[in-house]
Amino acid sequence: MLWFKKQPNSAVAESEADLIIPAELSLPLDERQFQQRFSALKHIAEEDAGIEAFLASLEAKHKLFSSLLNQEVIDQLTMENVEVLLETVFSARRRVYPAFSKMGIEATTAAIRELLYGKANLLDRLNSFSEVIGIDEEADKAARKLAAKNRRAAFDFGAEILHFNDPIKYPLMTRWVWDQNTVSGALREFIRGNDHLPDVPLGNSPEMFEGARTWLAAQLAEQGLYKDVHFWVDLVEAQAYAEYFRSMAEGMLSADFGRASGPADHIKKFLGIDAPAKEGLSRVRREVEV
């Protein structure tokens, strides 16, 4: 649950399922780094369709996820619905559909239902969801490496399912926000002197992500922003990572980013609110990559 100064419905029952208490971060985030990213975001948005259009796109994505995944209708899910959701998750759309297709809609629905509404620990549920991508330990090295990449993409898909189904309750926990395994992600860009740090031991717990989100929400409150704070946090994080991404990958952008022409395009791409495929086409890879 997002904790910030003027949160509506701020009285939260302690017994609420998956109540995420924000953790104190092992390294402090820096207000000056936030201000730089926030100012850049406003400028980029003004040069594009405007910040309200960005927020409206994120709200539309939330409505898409919640309309298909709320407890009352989730049993009506189809593989076509799964493909529609995957279209909005850039890091998963080209990697995980074949595994879900092989499982079939009943098993896929059961996996998503358990992720969203199961009783186990939240991080355990997210990891279990990613394990729908099997890894054959007897396969050759290349096949095992590809399967591991696909499993990480499934983790991202699960993280987006949680967040966009209920964006106030769950922080966005995708690898581009933070990945302790590679010590990279948007959160690193809010740490002063991050380029010179050999390690950034933030961890990968939901409590850490919520702690970072709460800190960012407090910075946004200092700017007088209290409405749609959960989406403002997403946008600031996406701007920070887009800036890092462009500095690292300029001139050698991957195929999934090759058509993006500017910072706004990358922000939209990371958040899955970029322009959809042309009518009748899909960016979801349906075949198993060899």
Protein backbone atom coordinates (compact mmCIF):
# COMPACT_ATOMS: atom_id res chain seq x y z
CA MET A 1 0.00 0.00 0.00
CA LEU A 2 1.46 3.37 -0.99
CA TRP A 3 2.21 5.41 2.11
CA PHE A 4 2.29 9.18 1.55
CA LYS A 5 1.24 12.30 3.39
CA LYS A 6 -2.22 12.92 1.99
CA GLN A 7 -3.18 9.39 1.04
CA PRO A 8 -6.94 8.94 0.62
CA ASN A 9 -8.40 6.12 2.69
CA SER A 10 -5.25 6.22 4.78
CA ALA A 11 -6.64 3.99 7.51
CA VAL A 12 -5.40 0.54 6.54
CA ALA A 13 -6.22 -2.58 8.51
CA GLU A 14 -3.05 -4.21 9.79
CA SER A 15 -4.47 -7.60 8.85
CA GLU A 16 -4.90 -6.66 5.20
CA ALA A 17 -3.39 -9.28 2.90
CA ASP A 18 -0.07 -8.27 1.33
CA LEU A 19 0.19 -5.08 3.36
CA ILE A 20 3.73 -4.01 2.48
CA ILE A 21 5.47 -2.03 5.21
CA PRO A 22 8.08 0.24 3.58
CA ALA A 23 11.64 -0.67 4.56
CA GLU A 24 14.39 1.78 5.36
CA LEU A 25 16.79 1.66 2.43
CA SER A 26 20.36 0.51 3.02
CA LEU A 27 21.59 3.53 1.05
CA PRO A 28 19.85 6.91 1.12
CA LEU A 29 18.26 8.38 -1.98
CA ASP A 30 19.24 11.92 -2.86
CA GLU A 31 16.81 14.84 -3.16
CA ARG A 32 18.97 16.60 -5.74
CA GLN A 33 19.00 13.52 -7.97
CA PHE A 34 15.22 13.36 -7.67
CA GLN A 35 14.82 17.02 -8.57
CA GLN A 36 16.93 16.59 -11.70
CA ARG A 37 14.86 13.60 -12.87
CA PHE A 38 11.57 15.27 -11.97
CA SER A 39 12.47 18.45 -13.88
CA ALA A 40 13.58 16.39 -16.86
CA LEU A 41 10.32 14.43 -16.81
CA LYS A 42 8.23 17.60 -16.88
CA HIS A 43 10.28 18.98 -19.77
CA ILE A 44 10.09 15.73 -21.75
CA ALA A 45 6.33 15.50 -21.19
CA GLU A 46 5.82 19.09 -22.32
CA GLU A 47 7.74 18.35 -25.50
CA ASP A 48 5.48 15.34 -26.11
CA ALA A 49 1.74 15.01 -25.47
CA GLY A 50 1.89 16.44 -21.94
CA ILE A 51 2.06 14.85 -18.51
CA GLU A 52 -1.71 14.40 -18.32
CA ALA A 53 -1.57 12.18 -21.41
CA PHE A 54 1.11 10.03 -19.75
CA LEU A 55 -1.00 9.70 -16.60
CA ALA A 56 -4.12 8.91 -18.62
CA SER A 57 -2.26 6.15 -20.47
CA LEU A 58 -1.16 4.58 -17.20
CA GLU A 59 -4.72 4.76 -15.86
CA ALA A 60 -5.96 3.08 -19.05
CA LYS A 61 -3.40 0.31 -18.58
CA HIS A 62 -4.59 -0.17 -15.00
CA LYS A 63 -8.20 -0.41 -16.14
CA LEU A 64 -7.23 -2.99 -18.76
CA PHE A 65 -5.49 -5.19 -16.19
CA SER A 66 -8.13 -4.82 -13.48
CA SER A 67 -11.00 -5.47 -15.90
CA LEU A 68 -9.47 -8.84 -16.83
CA LEU A 69 -7.92 -9.88 -13.53
CA ASN A 70 -10.26 -8.91 -10.70
CA GLN A 71 -11.48 -11.86 -8.67
CA GLU A 72 -15.01 -11.73 -10.08
CA VAL A 73 -13.96 -12.24 -13.71
CA ILE A 74 -10.50 -13.83 -13.70
CA ASP A 75 -11.93 -17.29 -14.42
CA GLN A 76 -13.14 -15.95 -17.78
CA LEU A 77 -9.58 -15.18 -18.88
CA THR A 78 -8.61 -16.33 -22.40
CA MET A 79 -5.25 -16.74 -24.12
CA GLU A 80 -6.22 -13.74 -26.26
CA ASN A 81 -6.55 -11.73 -23.04
CA VAL A 82 -3.11 -12.92 -21.89
CA GLU A 83 -1.66 -11.78 -25.20
CA VAL A 84 -3.32 -8.36 -24.82
CA LEU A 85 -1.74 -7.96 -21.38
CA LEU A 86 1.66 -9.08 -22.64
CA GLU A 87 1.51 -6.44 -25.39
CA THR A 88 1.92 -3.84 -22.64
CA VAL A 89 5.01 -5.41 -20.99
CA PHE A 90 7.99 -4.68 -23.21
CA SER A 91 10.45 -7.01 -21.45
CA ALA A 92 8.07 -10.00 -21.59
CA ARG A 93 6.14 -9.63 -24.83
CA ARG A 94 8.79 -11.37 -26.91
CA ARG A 95 9.68 -14.13 -24.46
CA VAL A 96 6.99 -15.80 -22.38
CA TYR A 97 3.82 -16.37 -24.42
CA PRO A 98 4.89 -19.82 -25.75
CA ALA A 99 5.21 -21.15 -22.19
CA PHE A 100 1.72 -19.96 -21.26
CA SER A 101 0.29 -21.24 -24.52
CA LYS A 102 1.80 -24.67 -23.84
CA MET A 103 0.33 -24.66 -20.32
CA GLY A 104 -3.14 -23.83 -21.61
CA ILE A 105 -5.59 -21.27 -20.31
CA GLU A 106 -6.70 -23.22 -17.20
CA ALA A 107 -3.16 -23.58 -15.85
CA THR A 108 -2.27 -20.03 -16.90
CA THR A 109 -5.33 -18.63 -15.12
CA ALA A 110 -4.50 -20.67 -12.02
CA ALA A 111 -0.93 -19.29 -11.99
CA ILE A 112 -2.15 -15.69 -12.30
CA ARG A 113 -4.86 -16.22 -9.69
CA GLU A 114 -2.31 -17.64 -7.24
CA LEU A 115 0.03 -14.71 -7.91
CA LEU A 116 -2.67 -12.14 -7.23
CA TYR A 117 -4.79 -13.77 -4.58
CA GLY A 118 -2.74 -16.60 -3.08
CA LYS A 119 -1.93 -16.89 0.62
CA ALA A 120 1.81 -17.47 0.38
CA ASN A 121 4.45 -14.79 0.89
CA LEU A 122 4.29 -12.16 -1.88
CA LEU A 123 7.87 -12.55 -3.11
CA ASP A 124 7.50 -16.35 -3.04
CA ARG A 125 4.38 -16.04 -5.21
CA LEU A 126 6.18 -13.78 -7.66
CA ASN A 127 9.14 -16.16 -7.90
CA SER A 128 6.81 -19.14 -8.31
CA PHE A 129 4.99 -17.36 -11.11
CA SER A 130 8.26 -16.83 -12.98
CA GLU A 131 9.01 -20.54 -12.66
CA VAL A 132 6.29 -21.37 -15.18
CA ILE A 133 9.29 -21.01 -17.50
CA GLY A 134 11.04 -24.32 -17.06
CA ILE A 135 14.82 -24.73 -17.25
CA ASP A 136 16.07 -28.09 -18.49
CA GLU A 137 19.31 -28.60 -16.58
CA GLU A 138 20.33 -31.29 -19.07
CA ALA A 139 20.02 -28.94 -22.06
CA ASP A 140 23.05 -27.24 -23.56
CA LYS A 141 24.38 -23.99 -22.14
CA ALA A 142 22.73 -21.77 -24.76
CA ALA A 143 19.31 -23.31 -24.16
CA ARG A 144 19.64 -22.95 -20.39
CA LYS A 145 20.76 -19.34 -20.76
CA LEU A 146 17.77 -18.53 -22.97
CA ALA A 147 15.37 -20.21 -20.54
CA ALA A 148 16.83 -18.18 -17.68
CA LYS A 149 16.26 -14.96 -19.66
CA ASN A 150 12.69 -16.00 -20.33
CA ARG A 151 12.16 -16.77 -16.65
CA ARG A 152 13.35 -13.27 -15.73
CA ALA A 153 10.91 -11.87 -18.30
CA ALA A 154 8.11 -13.87 -16.66
CA PHE A 155 9.09 -12.26 -13.34
CA ASP A 156 8.61 -8.85 -14.95
CA PHE A 157 5.23 -9.91 -16.31
CA GLY A 158 4.18 -11.02 -12.83
CA ALA A 159 5.41 -7.76 -11.31
CA GLU A 160 3.35 -5.76 -13.79
CA ILE A 161 0.28 -7.94 -13.21
CA LEU A 162 0.48 -7.11 -9.50
CA HIS A 163 1.11 -3.40 -9.95
CA PHE A 164 -1.28 -2.57 -12.74
CA ASN A 165 -4.08 -4.67 -11.31
CA ASP A 166 -3.76 -2.68 -8.05
CA PRO A 167 -1.27 0.18 -8.49
CA ILE A 168 -1.76 1.70 -5.04
CA LYS A 169 -1.33 -1.57 -3.17
CA TYR A 170 1.73 -2.88 -5.03
CA PRO A 171 4.84 -0.96 -6.11
CA LEU A 172 6.23 -1.66 -9.57
CA MET A 173 8.87 -4.34 -8.96
CA THR A 174 10.21 -4.99 -12.46
CA ARG A 175 13.92 -5.47 -13.07
CA TRP A 176 14.31 -2.09 -14.77
CA VAL A 177 13.17 -0.44 -11.53
CA TRP A 178 15.76 -2.47 -9.61
CA ASP A 179 17.58 -5.76 -10.12
CA GLN A 180 19.90 -6.77 -7.31
CA ASN A 181 21.41 -9.53 -9.45
CA THR A 182 22.83 -7.00 -11.92
CA VAL A 183 23.00 -4.11 -9.40
CA SER A 184 21.19 -1.91 -11.89
CA GLY A 185 17.91 -0.15 -12.37
CA ALA A 186 16.17 3.18 -11.98
CA LEU A 187 16.69 3.34 -8.21
CA ARG A 188 20.45 3.48 -8.65
CA GLU A 189 19.98 6.79 -10.48
CA PHE A 190 18.65 8.40 -7.30
CA ILE A 191 21.75 7.55 -5.25
CA ARG A 192 24.43 10.24 -5.07
CA GLY A 193 27.75 9.11 -6.53
CA ASN A 194 26.26 5.85 -7.77
CA ASP A 195 28.83 5.58 -10.58
CA HIS A 196 31.57 5.02 -8.02
CA LEU A 197 29.80 2.49 -5.83
CA PRO A 198 31.07 -1.10 -6.23
CA ASP A 199 27.88 -2.46 -4.68
CA VAL A 200 24.38 -1.17 -4.01
CA PRO A 201 22.86 -3.63 -1.53
CA LEU A 202 19.22 -2.61 -1.79
CA GLY A 203 17.92 -6.16 -2.11
CA ASN A 204 14.85 -7.30 -4.03
CA SER A 205 12.17 -7.41 -1.32
CA PRO A 206 8.72 -5.84 -1.82
CA GLU A 207 9.42 -3.84 1.35
CA MET A 208 12.47 -2.28 -0.31
CA PHE A 209 10.49 -1.33 -3.41
CA GLU A 210 7.78 0.16 -1.19
CA GLY A 211 10.38 2.04 0.84
CA ALA A 212 11.75 3.60 -2.33
CA ARG A 213 8.27 4.39 -3.58
CA THR A 214 7.34 6.03 -0.28
CA TRP A 215 10.46 8.19 -0.46
CA LEU A 216 9.65 9.23 -4.03
CA ALA A 217 6.05 9.96 -3.03
CA ALA A 218 7.34 12.25 -0.27
CA GLN A 219 9.47 14.12 -2.81
CA LEU A 220 6.43 14.50 -5.07
CA ALA A 221 4.44 15.84 -2.12
CA GLU A 222 7.10 18.53 -1.75
CA GLN A 223 6.20 19.52 -5.32
CA GLY A 224 2.54 19.80 -4.31
CA LEU A 225 1.54 16.56 -6.03
CA TYR A 226 -0.91 14.30 -4.21
CA LYS A 227 -3.15 13.02 -7.01
CA ASP A 228 -2.11 9.93 -9.01
CA VAL A 229 1.06 9.67 -6.93
CA HIS A 230 1.46 5.97 -7.75
CA PHE A 231 1.68 6.80 -11.47
CA TRP A 232 3.88 9.84 -10.92
CA VAL A 233 6.35 7.52 -9.16
CA ASP A 234 6.26 5.16 -12.15
CA LEU A 235 6.97 8.05 -14.51
CA VAL A 236 9.87 9.47 -12.46
CA GLU A 237 11.44 6.00 -12.24
CA ALA A 238 10.96 5.44 -15.98
CA GLN A 239 12.56 8.80 -16.77
CA ALA A 240 15.55 7.99 -14.59
CA TYR A 241 16.07 4.61 -16.21
CA ALA A 242 15.48 5.99 -19.72
CA GLU A 243 18.24 8.53 -19.11
CA TYR A 244 20.59 5.79 -17.95
CA PHE A 245 19.58 3.52 -20.82
CA ARG A 246 20.23 6.16 -23.46
CA SER A 247 23.64 6.98 -22.01
CA MET A 248 24.63 3.30 -22.06
CA ALA A 249 23.05 2.20 -25.32
CA GLU A 250 23.21 5.20 -27.65
CA GLY A 251 24.10 4.01 -31.11
CA MET A 252 23.48 0.33 -30.35
CA LEU A 253 19.83 0.20 -29.30
CA SER A 254 18.24 -3.23 -29.23
CA ALA A 255 15.57 -4.22 -31.74
CA ASP A 256 12.84 -3.57 -29.19
CA PHE A 257 13.97 0.07 -28.88
CA GLY A 258 15.28 0.78 -32.35
CA ARG A 259 12.19 2.68 -33.46
CA ALA A 260 12.11 4.91 -30.38
CA SER A 261 13.34 8.37 -31.33
CA GLY A 262 13.58 10.25 -28.07
CA PRO A 263 13.38 10.24 -24.26
CA ALA A 264 9.56 10.28 -24.23
CA ASP A 265 9.50 7.18 -26.41
CA HIS A 266 11.72 5.31 -23.98
CA ILE A 267 9.64 6.34 -20.96
CA LYS A 268 6.52 5.05 -22.71
CA LYS A 269 8.29 1.86 -23.79
CA PHE A 270 9.46 0.98 -20.27
CA LEU A 271 5.96 1.53 -18.89
CA GLY A 272 4.24 -0.27 -21.76
CA ILE A 273 2.19 2.76 -22.82
CA ASP A 274 3.89 3.20 -26.19
CA ALA A 275 1.89 3.07 -29.40
CA PRO A 276 0.35 -0.38 -29.94
CA ALA A 277 1.06 -2.54 -32.96
CA LYS A 278 -0.92 -1.82 -36.10
CA GLU A 279 -4.39 -3.30 -36.20
CA GLY A 280 -4.27 -7.01 -36.87
CA LEU A 281 -0.63 -7.28 -35.79
CA SER A 282 0.97 -8.24 -32.48
CA ARG A 283 4.35 -7.63 -30.90
CA VAL A 284 3.95 -10.76 -28.81
CA ARG A 285 6.21 -13.57 -29.99
CA ARG A 286 4.12 -16.70 -30.24
CA GLU A 287 6.85 -19.11 -31.30
CA VAL A 288 9.57 -20.60 -29.13
CA GLU A 289 12.89 -18.87 -29.78
CA VAL A 290 15.68 -21.28 -30.65
